[in-house]
Amino acid sequence: MPRKLRLKFPGACHRAINRGNYRMDIFQSERAKQAFASCLFVAWAKYDRRLHA
């Protein structure tokens, strides 16, 4: 069954989840985790979005 279409309107909230299969770790090292966080904050600043957690 396909997922429902996302609602799109100014000010809409969207949730992104970053989790491995069977709750396994998704980063092989602390450096990889830091690189992901760095990319996330660059994108956050570029697109002027609110980041809650």
Protein backbone atom coordinates (compact mmCIF):
# COMPACT_ATOMS: atom_id res chain seq x y z
CA MET A 1 0.00 0.00 0.00
CA PRO A 2 1.55 3.32 -1.02
CA ARG A 3 2.01 6.04 1.56
CA LYS A 4 -0.28 9.03 1.63
CA LEU A 5 0.85 12.21 -0.11
CA ARG A 6 2.56 14.76 2.11
CA LEU A 7 0.74 17.98 2.81
CA LYS A 8 2.60 20.96 1.39
CA PHE A 9 1.89 24.44 2.63
CA PRO A 10 3.91 27.33 4.10
CA GLY A 11 4.89 26.54 7.69
CA ALA A 12 4.19 22.80 7.42
CA CYS A 13 6.16 20.49 9.72
CA HIS A 14 8.07 17.53 8.29
CA ARG A 15 9.85 14.80 10.20
CA ALA A 16 13.02 13.08 9.05
CA ILE A 17 14.16 9.88 10.73
CA ASN A 18 17.67 8.51 10.55
CA ARG A 19 17.76 4.99 11.98
CA GLY A 20 19.37 1.71 10.96
CA ASN A 21 17.57 -1.54 10.26
CA TYR A 22 16.72 -3.42 13.45
CA ARG A 23 17.97 -0.37 15.39
CA MET A 24 21.56 -1.07 14.38
CA ASP A 25 24.11 1.73 14.39
CA ILE A 26 24.17 3.68 11.14
CA PHE A 27 27.58 5.30 11.58
CA GLN A 28 30.75 3.22 11.55
CA SER A 29 32.78 5.81 13.46
CA GLU A 30 32.49 9.00 15.48
CA ARG A 31 34.04 10.88 12.56
CA ALA A 32 31.25 9.68 10.22
CA LYS A 33 28.66 10.81 12.76
CA GLN A 34 30.28 14.24 12.97
CA ALA A 35 30.42 14.53 9.16
CA PHE A 36 26.68 13.80 8.95
CA ALA A 37 25.91 16.40 11.62
CA SER A 38 28.05 18.95 9.77
CA CYS A 39 26.17 18.34 6.50
CA LEU A 40 22.86 18.57 8.34
CA PHE A 41 23.69 21.98 9.81
CA VAL A 42 24.97 23.30 6.47
CA ALA A 43 21.66 22.30 4.82
CA TRP A 44 19.70 23.73 7.76
CA ALA A 45 21.41 27.10 7.40
CA LYS A 46 21.13 27.13 3.59
CA TYR A 47 17.39 26.47 3.50
CA ASP A 48 16.46 28.53 6.57
CA ARG A 49 14.44 25.83 8.34
CA ARG A 50 13.78 25.14 12.01
CA LEU A 51 15.55 22.13 13.48
CA HIS A 52 13.93 20.81 16.64
CA ALA A 53 16.12 17.87 17.63
